[in-house]
Full PDB file with SEQRES, HELIX, SHEET, SSBOND, CRYST1, ORIGX, SCALE, CONECT and MASTER records, all heavy atoms in Angstrom:
SEQRES   1 A   41  ASN ALA LYS ASN THR VAL TYR LEU GLN MET ASN SER LEU          
SEQRES   2 A   41  LYS PRO GLU ASP THR ALA VAL TYR TYR CYS ASN GLY ILE          
SEQRES   3 A   41  THR ARG TYR GLY ASN TYR TRP GLY GLN GLY THR GLN VAL          
SEQRES   4 A   41  THR VAL                                                      
HELIX    1 AA1 PRO A   15  ASP A   17  5                                   3    
SHEET    1 AA1 2 ALA A  19  TYR A  21  0                                        
SHEET    2 AA1 2 THR A  37  VAL A  39 -1                                        
SHEET    1 AA2 2 ASN A  24  THR A  27  0                                        
SHEET    2 AA2 2 GLY A  30  TRP A  33 -1                                        
CRYST1    1.000    1.000    1.000  90.00  90.00  90.00 P 1           1          
ORIGX1      1.000000  0.000000  0.000000        0.00000                         
ORIGX2      0.000000  1.000000  0.000000        0.00000                         
ORIGX3      0.000000  0.000000  1.000000        0.00000                         
SCALE1      1.000000  0.000000  0.000000        0.00000                         
SCALE2      0.000000  1.000000  0.000000        0.00000                         
SCALE3      0.000000  0.000000  1.000000        0.00000                         
ATOM      1  N   ASN A   1      13.481   1.187 -26.582  1.00  0.00           N  
ATOM      2  CA  ASN A   1      12.164   1.712 -26.096  1.00  0.00           C  
ATOM      3  C   ASN A   1      12.353   2.766 -25.048  1.00  0.00           C  
ATOM      4  O   ASN A   1      11.541   3.702 -24.961  1.00  0.00           O  
ATOM      5  CB  ASN A   1      11.331   0.575 -25.531  1.00  0.00           C  
ATOM      6  CG  ASN A   1      10.865  -0.403 -26.619  1.00  0.00           C  
ATOM      7  OD1 ASN A   1      10.657  -0.010 -27.766  1.00  0.00           O  
ATOM      8  ND2 ASN A   1      10.753  -1.670 -26.284  1.00  0.00           N  
ATOM      9  N   ALA A   2      13.404   2.654 -24.254  1.00  0.00           N  
ATOM     10  CA  ALA A   2      13.675   3.698 -23.265  1.00  0.00           C  
ATOM     11  C   ALA A   2      14.199   4.948 -23.950  1.00  0.00           C  
ATOM     12  O   ALA A   2      14.858   4.878 -24.982  1.00  0.00           O  
ATOM     13  CB  ALA A   2      14.686   3.196 -22.241  1.00  0.00           C  
ATOM     14  N   LYS A   3      13.903   6.054 -23.380  1.00  0.00           N  
ATOM     15  CA  LYS A   3      14.289   7.345 -23.973  1.00  0.00           C  
ATOM     16  C   LYS A   3      15.825   7.439 -24.012  1.00  0.00           C  
ATOM     17  O   LYS A   3      16.512   7.060 -23.108  1.00  0.00           O  
ATOM     18  CB  LYS A   3      13.719   8.465 -23.128  1.00  0.00           C  
ATOM     19  CG  LYS A   3      13.929   9.857 -23.668  1.00  0.00           C  
ATOM     20  CD  LYS A   3      13.237  10.871 -22.718  1.00  0.00           C  
ATOM     21  CE  LYS A   3      13.427  12.276 -23.215  1.00  0.00           C  
ATOM     22  NZ  LYS A   3      12.765  13.256 -22.334  1.00  0.00           N  
ATOM     23  N   ASN A   4      16.277   7.967 -25.114  1.00  0.00           N  
ATOM     24  CA  ASN A   4      17.702   8.265 -25.299  1.00  0.00           C  
ATOM     25  C   ASN A   4      18.603   7.022 -25.128  1.00  0.00           C  
ATOM     26  O   ASN A   4      19.643   7.072 -24.451  1.00  0.00           O  
ATOM     27  CB  ASN A   4      18.154   9.379 -24.355  1.00  0.00           C  
ATOM     28  CG  ASN A   4      17.515  10.718 -24.690  1.00  0.00           C  
ATOM     29  OD1 ASN A   4      17.035  10.906 -25.823  1.00  0.00           O  
ATOM     30  ND2 ASN A   4      17.488  11.593 -23.726  1.00  0.00           N  
ATOM     31  N   THR A   5      18.177   5.943 -25.747  1.00  0.00           N  
ATOM     32  CA  THR A   5      18.998   4.742 -25.801  1.00  0.00           C  
ATOM     33  C   THR A   5      19.182   4.361 -27.258  1.00  0.00           C  
ATOM     34  O   THR A   5      18.305   4.576 -28.088  1.00  0.00           O  
ATOM     35  CB  THR A   5      18.397   3.542 -25.048  1.00  0.00           C  
ATOM     36  OG1 THR A   5      17.098   3.251 -25.584  1.00  0.00           O  
ATOM     37  CG2 THR A   5      18.249   3.864 -23.556  1.00  0.00           C  
ATOM     38  N   VAL A   6      20.344   3.759 -27.543  1.00  0.00           N  
ATOM     39  CA  VAL A   6      20.640   3.373 -28.916  1.00  0.00           C  
ATOM     40  C   VAL A   6      21.522   2.149 -28.857  1.00  0.00           C  
ATOM     41  O   VAL A   6      22.310   1.968 -27.931  1.00  0.00           O  
ATOM     42  CB  VAL A   6      21.277   4.514 -29.694  1.00  0.00           C  
ATOM     43  CG1 VAL A   6      22.649   4.847 -29.175  1.00  0.00           C  
ATOM     44  CG2 VAL A   6      21.334   4.200 -31.218  1.00  0.00           C  
ATOM     45  N   TYR A   7      21.367   1.295 -29.861  1.00  0.00           N  
ATOM     46  CA  TYR A   7      22.109   0.066 -29.934  1.00  0.00           C  
ATOM     47  C   TYR A   7      22.781  -0.064 -31.297  1.00  0.00           C  
ATOM     48  O   TYR A   7      22.333   0.530 -32.270  1.00  0.00           O  
ATOM     49  CB  TYR A   7      21.188  -1.151 -29.742  1.00  0.00           C  
ATOM     50  CG  TYR A   7      20.462  -1.126 -28.426  1.00  0.00           C  
ATOM     51  CD1 TYR A   7      19.275  -0.476 -28.260  1.00  0.00           C  
ATOM     52  CD2 TYR A   7      21.000  -1.782 -27.316  1.00  0.00           C  
ATOM     53  CE1 TYR A   7      18.630  -0.445 -27.059  1.00  0.00           C  
ATOM     54  CE2 TYR A   7      20.371  -1.761 -26.111  1.00  0.00           C  
ATOM     55  CZ  TYR A   7      19.163  -1.106 -25.973  1.00  0.00           C  
ATOM     56  OH  TYR A   7      18.509  -1.061 -24.741  1.00  0.00           O  
ATOM     57  N   LEU A   8      23.843  -0.855 -31.326  1.00  0.00           N  
ATOM     58  CA  LEU A   8      24.494  -1.163 -32.580  1.00  0.00           C  
ATOM     59  C   LEU A   8      24.760  -2.662 -32.631  1.00  0.00           C  
ATOM     60  O   LEU A   8      25.565  -3.201 -31.860  1.00  0.00           O  
ATOM     61  CB  LEU A   8      25.826  -0.395 -32.717  1.00  0.00           C  
ATOM     62  CG  LEU A   8      26.547  -0.569 -34.069  1.00  0.00           C  
ATOM     63  CD1 LEU A   8      25.760   0.103 -35.168  1.00  0.00           C  
ATOM     64  CD2 LEU A   8      27.970  -0.010 -33.989  1.00  0.00           C  
ATOM     65  N   GLN A   9      24.047  -3.335 -33.519  1.00  0.00           N  
ATOM     66  CA  GLN A   9      24.228  -4.758 -33.754  1.00  0.00           C  
ATOM     67  C   GLN A   9      25.291  -4.926 -34.793  1.00  0.00           C  
ATOM     68  O   GLN A   9      25.119  -4.434 -35.932  1.00  0.00           O  
ATOM     69  CB  GLN A   9      22.928  -5.433 -34.151  1.00  0.00           C  
ATOM     70  CG  GLN A   9      23.058  -6.904 -34.459  1.00  0.00           C  
ATOM     71  CD  GLN A   9      23.400  -7.717 -33.230  1.00  0.00           C  
ATOM     72  OE1 GLN A   9      22.874  -7.500 -32.130  1.00  0.00           O  
ATOM     73  NE2 GLN A   9      24.314  -8.680 -33.360  1.00  0.00           N  
ATOM     74  N   MET A  10      26.379  -5.591 -34.464  1.00  0.00           N  
ATOM     75  CA  MET A  10      27.490  -5.742 -35.375  1.00  0.00           C  
ATOM     76  C   MET A  10      27.633  -7.236 -35.703  1.00  0.00           C  
ATOM     77  O   MET A  10      27.922  -8.037 -34.816  1.00  0.00           O  
ATOM     78  CB  MET A  10      28.754  -5.196 -34.783  1.00  0.00           C  
ATOM     79  CG  MET A  10      28.644  -3.751 -34.306  1.00  0.00           C  
ATOM     80  SD  MET A  10      30.214  -3.061 -33.756  1.00  0.00           S  
ATOM     81  CE  MET A  10      30.478  -4.025 -32.261  1.00  0.00           C  
ATOM     82  N   ASN A  11      27.470  -7.581 -36.966  1.00  0.00           N  
ATOM     83  CA  ASN A  11      27.624  -8.971 -37.439  1.00  0.00           C  
ATOM     84  C   ASN A  11      28.752  -9.046 -38.441  1.00  0.00           C  
ATOM     85  O   ASN A  11      29.214  -8.022 -38.971  1.00  0.00           O  
ATOM     86  CB  ASN A  11      26.330  -9.439 -38.072  1.00  0.00           C  
ATOM     87  CG  ASN A  11      25.138  -9.456 -37.136  1.00  0.00           C  
ATOM     88  OD1 ASN A  11      25.315  -9.632 -35.922  1.00  0.00           O  
ATOM     89  ND2 ASN A  11      23.954  -9.194 -37.678  1.00  0.00           N  
ATOM     90  N   SER A  12      29.221 -10.254 -38.690  1.00  0.00           N  
ATOM     91  CA  SER A  12      30.276 -10.508 -39.635  1.00  0.00           C  
ATOM     92  C   SER A  12      31.474  -9.568 -39.388  1.00  0.00           C  
ATOM     93  O   SER A  12      31.980  -8.931 -40.306  1.00  0.00           O  
ATOM     94  CB  SER A  12      29.766 -10.322 -41.056  1.00  0.00           C  
ATOM     95  OG  SER A  12      28.681 -11.169 -41.318  1.00  0.00           O  
ATOM     96  N   LEU A  13      31.895  -9.530 -38.163  1.00  0.00           N  
ATOM     97  CA  LEU A  13      32.961  -8.592 -37.789  1.00  0.00           C  
ATOM     98  C   LEU A  13      34.283  -8.965 -38.464  1.00  0.00           C  
ATOM     99  O   LEU A  13      34.588 -10.155 -38.639  1.00  0.00           O  
ATOM    100  CB  LEU A  13      33.105  -8.539 -36.272  1.00  0.00           C  
ATOM    101  CG  LEU A  13      32.026  -7.684 -35.548  1.00  0.00           C  
ATOM    102  CD1 LEU A  13      31.934  -8.059 -34.097  1.00  0.00           C  
ATOM    103  CD2 LEU A  13      32.340  -6.233 -35.732  1.00  0.00           C  
ATOM    104  N   LYS A  14      35.059  -7.926 -38.761  1.00  0.00           N  
ATOM    105  CA  LYS A  14      36.335  -8.086 -39.416  1.00  0.00           C  
ATOM    106  C   LYS A  14      37.442  -7.447 -38.550  1.00  0.00           C  
ATOM    107  O   LYS A  14      37.131  -6.558 -37.775  1.00  0.00           O  
ATOM    108  CB  LYS A  14      36.322  -7.379 -40.779  1.00  0.00           C  
ATOM    109  CG  LYS A  14      35.213  -7.798 -41.712  1.00  0.00           C  
ATOM    110  CD  LYS A  14      35.209  -6.956 -42.957  1.00  0.00           C  
ATOM    111  CE  LYS A  14      34.075  -7.363 -43.911  1.00  0.00           C  
ATOM    112  NZ  LYS A  14      34.106  -6.538 -45.157  1.00  0.00           N  
ATOM    113  N   PRO A  15      38.664  -7.872 -38.720  1.00  0.00           N  
ATOM    114  CA  PRO A  15      39.753  -7.255 -37.926  1.00  0.00           C  
ATOM    115  C   PRO A  15      39.803  -5.737 -38.114  1.00  0.00           C  
ATOM    116  O   PRO A  15      40.140  -5.004 -37.163  1.00  0.00           O  
ATOM    117  CB  PRO A  15      40.996  -7.923 -38.520  1.00  0.00           C  
ATOM    118  CG  PRO A  15      40.546  -9.250 -38.962  1.00  0.00           C  
ATOM    119  CD  PRO A  15      39.161  -9.020 -39.494  1.00  0.00           C  
ATOM    120  N   GLU A  16      39.426  -5.212 -39.290  1.00  0.00           N  
ATOM    121  CA  GLU A  16      39.466  -3.779 -39.513  1.00  0.00           C  
ATOM    122  C   GLU A  16      38.347  -3.036 -38.775  1.00  0.00           C  
ATOM    123  O   GLU A  16      38.313  -1.800 -38.757  1.00  0.00           O  
ATOM    124  CB  GLU A  16      39.383  -3.442 -41.005  1.00  0.00           C  
ATOM    125  CG  GLU A  16      38.283  -4.136 -41.734  1.00  0.00           C  
ATOM    126  CD  GLU A  16      38.763  -5.396 -42.449  1.00  0.00           C  
ATOM    127  OE1 GLU A  16      39.503  -6.189 -41.842  1.00  0.00           O  
ATOM    128  OE2 GLU A  16      38.329  -5.596 -43.608  1.00  0.00           O  
ATOM    129  N   ASP A  17      37.469  -3.763 -38.130  1.00  0.00           N  
ATOM    130  CA  ASP A  17      36.465  -3.137 -37.265  1.00  0.00           C  
ATOM    131  C   ASP A  17      36.994  -2.844 -35.895  1.00  0.00           C  
ATOM    132  O   ASP A  17      36.313  -2.211 -35.043  1.00  0.00           O  
ATOM    133  CB  ASP A  17      35.206  -4.024 -37.151  1.00  0.00           C  
ATOM    134  CG  ASP A  17      34.458  -4.194 -38.457  1.00  0.00           C  
ATOM    135  OD1 ASP A  17      34.333  -3.204 -39.189  1.00  0.00           O  
ATOM    136  OD2 ASP A  17      34.048  -5.349 -38.746  1.00  0.00           O  
ATOM    137  N   THR A  18      38.199  -3.316 -35.586  1.00  0.00           N  
ATOM    138  CA  THR A  18      38.800  -3.102 -34.287  1.00  0.00           C  
ATOM    139  C   THR A  18      38.981  -1.593 -34.055  1.00  0.00           C  
ATOM    140  O   THR A  18      39.585  -0.889 -34.845  1.00  0.00           O  
ATOM    141  CB  THR A  18      40.152  -3.821 -34.201  1.00  0.00           C  
ATOM    142  OG1 THR A  18      39.947  -5.200 -34.239  1.00  0.00           O  
ATOM    143  CG2 THR A  18      40.857  -3.443 -32.893  1.00  0.00           C  
ATOM    144  N   ALA A  19      38.429  -1.126 -32.929  1.00  0.00           N  
ATOM    145  CA  ALA A  19      38.471   0.311 -32.607  1.00  0.00           C  
ATOM    146  C   ALA A  19      37.816   0.528 -31.250  1.00  0.00           C  
ATOM    147  O   ALA A  19      37.173  -0.368 -30.699  1.00  0.00           O  
ATOM    148  CB  ALA A  19      37.764   1.110 -33.677  1.00  0.00           C  
ATOM    149  N   VAL A  20      37.925   1.750 -30.792  1.00  0.00           N  
ATOM    150  CA  VAL A  20      37.131   2.188 -29.666  1.00  0.00           C  
ATOM    151  C   VAL A  20      35.850   2.812 -30.282  1.00  0.00           C  
ATOM    152  O   VAL A  20      35.928   3.676 -31.174  1.00  0.00           O  
ATOM    153  CB  VAL A  20      37.848   3.229 -28.794  1.00  0.00           C  
ATOM    154  CG1 VAL A  20      36.914   3.729 -27.672  1.00  0.00           C  
ATOM    155  CG2 VAL A  20      39.117   2.639 -28.198  1.00  0.00           C  
ATOM    156  N   TYR A  21      34.739   2.328 -29.800  1.00  0.00           N  
ATOM    157  CA  TYR A  21      33.426   2.802 -30.330  1.00  0.00           C  
ATOM    158  C   TYR A  21      32.810   3.773 -29.345  1.00  0.00           C  
ATOM    159  O   TYR A  21      32.700   3.492 -28.142  1.00  0.00           O  
ATOM    160  CB  TYR A  21      32.499   1.620 -30.543  1.00  0.00           C  
ATOM    161  CG  TYR A  21      32.863   0.819 -31.819  1.00  0.00           C  
ATOM    162  CD1 TYR A  21      34.026   0.076 -31.853  1.00  0.00           C  
ATOM    163  CD2 TYR A  21      32.048   0.868 -32.920  1.00  0.00           C  
ATOM    164  CE1 TYR A  21      34.383  -0.618 -33.005  1.00  0.00           C  
ATOM    165  CE2 TYR A  21      32.368   0.150 -34.092  1.00  0.00           C  
ATOM    166  CZ  TYR A  21      33.548  -0.571 -34.115  1.00  0.00           C  
ATOM    167  OH  TYR A  21      33.888  -1.267 -35.264  1.00  0.00           O  
ATOM    168  N   TYR A  22      32.389   4.914 -29.893  1.00  0.00           N  
ATOM    169  CA  TYR A  22      31.830   5.989 -29.081  1.00  0.00           C  
ATOM    170  C   TYR A  22      30.370   6.228 -29.446  1.00  0.00           C  
ATOM    171  O   TYR A  22      30.026   6.305 -30.632  1.00  0.00           O  
ATOM    172  CB  TYR A  22      32.598   7.292 -29.315  1.00  0.00           C  
ATOM    173  CG  TYR A  22      34.037   7.249 -28.892  1.00  0.00           C  
ATOM    174  CD1 TYR A  22      35.062   6.885 -29.773  1.00  0.00           C  
ATOM    175  CD2 TYR A  22      34.406   7.588 -27.587  1.00  0.00           C  
ATOM    176  CE1 TYR A  22      36.355   6.827 -29.387  1.00  0.00           C  
ATOM    177  CE2 TYR A  22      35.745   7.557 -27.210  1.00  0.00           C  
ATOM    178  CZ  TYR A  22      36.731   7.191 -28.105  1.00  0.00           C  
ATOM    179  OH  TYR A  22      38.022   7.159 -27.722  1.00  0.00           O  
ATOM    180  N   CYS A  23      29.558   6.402 -28.404  1.00  0.00           N  
ATOM    181  CA  CYS A  23      28.189   6.767 -28.599  1.00  0.00           C  
ATOM    182  C   CYS A  23      28.067   8.304 -28.641  1.00  0.00           C  
ATOM    183  O   CYS A  23      28.780   8.987 -27.931  1.00  0.00           O  
ATOM    184  CB  CYS A  23      27.345   6.200 -27.455  1.00  0.00           C  
ATOM    185  SG  CYS A  23      25.604   6.643 -27.463  1.00  0.00           S  
ATOM    186  N   ASN A  24      27.186   8.789 -29.482  1.00  0.00           N  
ATOM    187  CA  ASN A  24      26.964  10.229 -29.618  1.00  0.00           C  
ATOM    188  C   ASN A  24      25.460  10.513 -29.559  1.00  0.00           C  
ATOM    189  O   ASN A  24      24.678   9.778 -30.145  1.00  0.00           O  
ATOM    190  CB  ASN A  24      27.534  10.700 -30.941  1.00  0.00           C  
ATOM    191  CG  ASN A  24      27.241  12.157 -31.221  1.00  0.00           C  
ATOM    192  OD1 ASN A  24      26.329  12.448 -32.018  1.00  0.00           O  
ATOM    193  ND2 ASN A  24      27.959  13.026 -30.606  1.00  0.00           N  
ATOM    194  N   GLY A  25      25.131  11.607 -28.898  1.00  0.00           N  
ATOM    195  CA  GLY A  25      23.741  12.037 -28.854  1.00  0.00           C  
ATOM    196  C   GLY A  25      23.646  13.546 -28.930  1.00  0.00           C  
ATOM    197  O   GLY A  25      24.482  14.256 -28.422  1.00  0.00           O  
ATOM    198  N   ILE A  26      22.627  14.024 -29.642  1.00  0.00           N  
ATOM    199  CA  ILE A  26      22.472  15.460 -29.879  1.00  0.00           C  
ATOM    200  C   ILE A  26      21.093  15.913 -29.366  1.00  0.00           C  
ATOM    201  O   ILE A  26      20.082  15.337 -29.771  1.00  0.00           O  
ATOM    202  CB  ILE A  26      22.633  15.795 -31.381  1.00  0.00           C  
ATOM    203  CG1 ILE A  26      23.995  15.338 -31.892  1.00  0.00           C  
ATOM    204  CG2 ILE A  26      22.444  17.273 -31.628  1.00  0.00           C  
ATOM    205  CD1 ILE A  26      24.192  15.456 -33.368  1.00  0.00           C  
ATOM    206  N   THR A  27      21.110  16.938 -28.523  1.00  0.00           N  
ATOM    207  CA  THR A  27      19.885  17.604 -28.160  1.00  0.00           C  
ATOM    208  C   THR A  27      19.920  19.054 -28.732  1.00  0.00           C  
ATOM    209  O   THR A  27      20.903  19.429 -29.335  1.00  0.00           O  
ATOM    210  CB  THR A  27      19.704  17.684 -26.621  1.00  0.00           C  
ATOM    211  OG1 THR A  27      20.620  18.644 -26.106  1.00  0.00           O  
ATOM    212  CG2 THR A  27      19.914  16.341 -25.972  1.00  0.00           C  
ATOM    213  N   ARG A  28      18.870  19.767 -28.494  1.00  0.00           N  
ATOM    214  CA  ARG A  28      18.856  21.166 -28.989  1.00  0.00           C  
ATOM    215  C   ARG A  28      19.928  21.983 -28.280  1.00  0.00           C  
ATOM    216  O   ARG A  28      20.239  23.105 -28.732  1.00  0.00           O  
ATOM    217  CB  ARG A  28      17.517  21.773 -28.767  1.00  0.00           C  
ATOM    218  CG  ARG A  28      17.100  21.919 -27.316  1.00  0.00           C  
ATOM    219  CD  ARG A  28      15.861  22.755 -27.130  1.00  0.00           C  
ATOM    220  NE  ARG A  28      14.687  22.131 -27.682  1.00  0.00           N  
ATOM    221  CZ  ARG A  28      13.478  22.721 -27.669  1.00  0.00           C  
ATOM    222  NH1 ARG A  28      13.348  23.951 -27.203  1.00  0.00           N  
ATOM    223  NH2 ARG A  28      12.436  22.116 -28.143  1.00  0.00           N  
ATOM    224  N   TYR A  29      20.450  21.478 -27.170  1.00  0.00           N  
ATOM    225  CA  TYR A  29      21.394  22.282 -26.381  1.00  0.00           C  
ATOM    226  C   TYR A  29      22.821  21.799 -26.437  1.00  0.00           C  
ATOM    227  O   TYR A  29      23.724  22.451 -25.937  1.00  0.00           O  
ATOM    228  CB  TYR A  29      20.945  22.309 -24.929  1.00  0.00           C  
ATOM    229  CG  TYR A  29      19.622  23.033 -24.760  1.00  0.00           C  
ATOM    230  CD1 TYR A  29      18.459  22.343 -24.426  1.00  0.00           C  
ATOM    231  CD2 TYR A  29      19.531  24.393 -24.939  1.00  0.00           C  
ATOM    232  CE1 TYR A  29      17.256  22.954 -24.291  1.00  0.00           C  
ATOM    233  CE2 TYR A  29      18.356  25.045 -24.781  1.00  0.00           C  
ATOM    234  CZ  TYR A  29      17.206  24.332 -24.477  1.00  0.00           C  
ATOM    235  OH  TYR A  29      16.012  24.984 -24.340  1.00  0.00           O  
ATOM    236  N   GLY A  30      23.051  20.661 -27.028  1.00  0.00           N  
ATOM    237  CA  GLY A  30      24.437  20.205 -27.081  1.00  0.00           C  
ATOM    238  C   GLY A  30      24.665  18.914 -27.805  1.00  0.00           C  
ATOM    239  O   GLY A  30      23.712  18.221 -28.197  1.00  0.00           O  
ATOM    240  N   ASN A  31      25.934  18.624 -27.989  1.00  0.00           N  
ATOM    241  CA  ASN A  31      26.399  17.418 -28.670  1.00  0.00           C  
ATOM    242  C   ASN A  31      27.198  16.648 -27.637  1.00  0.00           C  
ATOM    243  O   ASN A  31      28.223  17.172 -27.170  1.00  0.00           O  
ATOM    244  CB  ASN A  31      27.252  17.835 -29.867  1.00  0.00           C  
ATOM    245  CG  ASN A  31      27.644  16.684 -30.730  1.00  0.00           C  
ATOM    246  OD1 ASN A  31      27.335  15.540 -30.461  1.00  0.00           O  
ATOM    247  ND2 ASN A  31      28.348  16.993 -31.838  1.00  0.00           N  
ATOM    248  N   TYR A  32      26.805  15.420 -27.348  1.00  0.00           N  
ATOM    249  CA  TYR A  32      27.389  14.698 -26.212  1.00  0.00           C  
ATOM    250  C   TYR A  32      28.013  13.395 -26.668  1.00  0.00           C  
ATOM    251  O   TYR A  32      27.559  12.725 -27.611  1.00  0.00           O  
ATOM    252  CB  TYR A  32      26.329  14.431 -25.177  1.00  0.00           C  
ATOM    253  CG  TYR A  32      25.660  15.700 -24.683  1.00  0.00           C  
ATOM    254  CD1 TYR A  32      24.438  16.102 -25.262  1.00  0.00           C  
ATOM    255  CD2 TYR A  32      26.242  16.501 -23.727  1.00  0.00           C  
ATOM    256  CE1 TYR A  32      23.861  17.281 -24.843  1.00  0.00           C  
ATOM    257  CE2 TYR A  32      25.635  17.646 -23.275  1.00  0.00           C  
ATOM    258  CZ  TYR A  32      24.432  18.028 -23.852  1.00  0.00           C  
ATOM    259  OH  TYR A  32      23.832  19.205 -23.442  1.00  0.00           O  
ATOM    260  N   TRP A  33      29.083  13.011 -25.926  1.00  0.00           N  
ATOM    261  CA  TRP A  33      29.848  11.785 -26.253  1.00  0.00           C  
ATOM    262  C   TRP A  33      30.026  10.880 -25.041  1.00  0.00           C  
ATOM    263  O   TRP A  33      30.124  11.396 -23.897  1.00  0.00           O  
ATOM    264  CB  TRP A  33      31.241  12.153 -26.777  1.00  0.00           C  
ATOM    265  CG  TRP A  33      31.240  12.865 -28.055  1.00  0.00           C  
ATOM    266  CD1 TRP A  33      31.172  14.217 -28.248  1.00  0.00           C  
ATOM    267  CD2 TRP A  33      31.278  12.250 -29.344  1.00  0.00           C  
ATOM    268  NE1 TRP A  33      31.188  14.501 -29.601  1.00  0.00           N  
ATOM    269  CE2 TRP A  33      31.238  13.341 -30.300  1.00  0.00           C  
ATOM    270  CE3 TRP A  33      31.332  10.958 -29.825  1.00  0.00           C  
ATOM    271  CZ2 TRP A  33      31.262  13.094 -31.673  1.00  0.00           C  
ATOM    272  CZ3 TRP A  33      31.374  10.737 -31.182  1.00  0.00           C  
ATOM    273  CH2 TRP A  33      31.317  11.785 -32.092  1.00  0.00           C  
ATOM    274  N   GLY A  34      30.011   9.597 -25.264  1.00  0.00           N  
ATOM    275  CA  GLY A  34      30.354   8.631 -24.243  1.00  0.00           C  
ATOM    276  C   GLY A  34      31.857   8.498 -24.132  1.00  0.00           C  
ATOM    277  O   GLY A  34      32.617   9.079 -24.915  1.00  0.00           O  
ATOM    278  N   GLN A  35      32.308   7.686 -23.205  1.00  0.00           N  
ATOM    279  CA  GLN A  35      33.709   7.455 -22.941  1.00  0.00           C  
ATOM    280  C   GLN A  35      34.330   6.426 -23.895  1.00  0.00           C  
ATOM    281  O   GLN A  35      35.535   6.361 -24.042  1.00  0.00           O  
ATOM    282  CB  GLN A  35      33.937   7.019 -21.507  1.00  0.00           C  
ATOM    283  CG  GLN A  35      33.631   8.094 -20.495  1.00  0.00           C  
ATOM    284  CD  GLN A  35      34.539   9.315 -20.670  1.00  0.00           C  
ATOM    285  OE1 GLN A  35      35.746   9.197 -20.676  1.00  0.00           O  
ATOM    286  NE2 GLN A  35      33.927  10.478 -20.799  1.00  0.00           N  
ATOM    287  N   GLY A  36      33.472   5.677 -24.536  1.00  0.00           N  
ATOM    288  CA  GLY A  36      33.959   4.680 -25.492  1.00  0.00           C  
ATOM    289  C   GLY A  36      34.022   3.263 -24.908  1.00  0.00           C  
ATOM    290  O   GLY A  36      34.231   3.079 -23.728  1.00  0.00           O  
ATOM    291  N   THR A  37      33.902   2.305 -25.844  1.00  0.00           N  
ATOM    292  CA  THR A  37      34.018   0.891 -25.478  1.00  0.00           C  
ATOM    293  C   THR A  37      34.886   0.222 -26.525  1.00  0.00           C  
ATOM    294  O   THR A  37      34.713   0.472 -27.736  1.00  0.00           O  
ATOM    295  CB  THR A  37      32.637   0.229 -25.323  1.00  0.00           C  
ATOM    296  OG1 THR A  37      32.809  -1.109 -24.862  1.00  0.00           O  
ATOM    297  CG2 THR A  37      31.859   0.225 -26.618  1.00  0.00           C  
ATOM    298  N   GLN A  38      35.799  -0.613 -26.085  1.00  0.00           N  
ATOM    299  CA  GLN A  38      36.751  -1.226 -26.992  1.00  0.00           C  
ATOM    300  C   GLN A  38      36.121  -2.455 -27.671  1.00  0.00           C  
ATOM    301  O   GLN A  38      35.529  -3.305 -26.998  1.00  0.00           O  
ATOM    302  CB  GLN A  38      38.016  -1.654 -26.240  1.00  0.00           C  
ATOM    303  CG  GLN A  38      39.045  -2.391 -27.082  1.00  0.00           C  
ATOM    304  CD  GLN A  38      39.725  -1.494 -28.086  1.00  0.00           C  
ATOM    305  OE1 GLN A  38      40.134  -0.357 -27.741  1.00  0.00           O  
ATOM    306  NE2 GLN A  38      39.858  -1.975 -29.340  1.00  0.00           N  
ATOM    307  N   VAL A  39      36.285  -2.502 -28.963  1.00  0.00           N  
ATOM    308  CA  VAL A  39      35.934  -3.651 -29.750  1.00  0.00           C  
ATOM    309  C   VAL A  39      37.202  -4.190 -30.441  1.00  0.00           C  
ATOM    310  O   VAL A  39      37.863  -3.409 -31.152  1.00  0.00           O  
ATOM    311  CB  VAL A  39      34.829  -3.373 -30.797  1.00  0.00           C  
ATOM    312  CG1 VAL A  39      34.639  -4.537 -31.729  1.00  0.00           C  
ATOM    313  CG2 VAL A  39      33.538  -2.965 -30.111  1.00  0.00           C  
ATOM    314  N   THR A  40      37.519  -5.436 -30.173  1.00  0.00           N  
ATOM    315  CA  THR A  40      38.690  -6.069 -30.819  1.00  0.00           C  
ATOM    316  C   THR A  40      38.278  -7.313 -31.538  1.00  0.00           C  
ATOM    317  O   THR A  40      37.661  -8.193 -30.976  1.00  0.00           O  
ATOM    318  CB  THR A  40      39.747  -6.391 -29.759  1.00  0.00           C  
ATOM    319  OG1 THR A  40      40.111  -5.182 -29.032  1.00  0.00           O  
ATOM    320  CG2 THR A  40      40.999  -6.978 -30.422  1.00  0.00           C  
ATOM    321  N   VAL A  41      38.634  -7.378 -32.829  1.00  0.00           N  
ATOM    322  CA  VAL A  41      38.283  -8.511 -33.676  1.00  0.00           C  
ATOM    323  C   VAL A  41      39.583  -9.198 -34.014  1.00  0.00           C  
ATOM    324  O   VAL A  41      40.457  -8.616 -34.716  1.00  0.00           O  
ATOM    325  CB  VAL A  41      37.530  -8.099 -34.924  1.00  0.00           C  
ATOM    326  CG1 VAL A  41      37.071  -9.317 -35.698  1.00  0.00           C  
ATOM    327  CG2 VAL A  41      36.302  -7.233 -34.541  1.00  0.00           C  
TER     328      VAL A  41                                                      
MASTER        0    0    0    1    4    0    0    6  327    1    0    4          
END                                                                             
């Protein structure tokens, strides 16, 4: 509901889902990335 927020609900996780997950957002002026969060299955 808050502006410029996004979520990812991950169910039935598998070992192959292990990775660093990065958020991305695009405005008319640029393409932006977060620092990443580690997910380990």
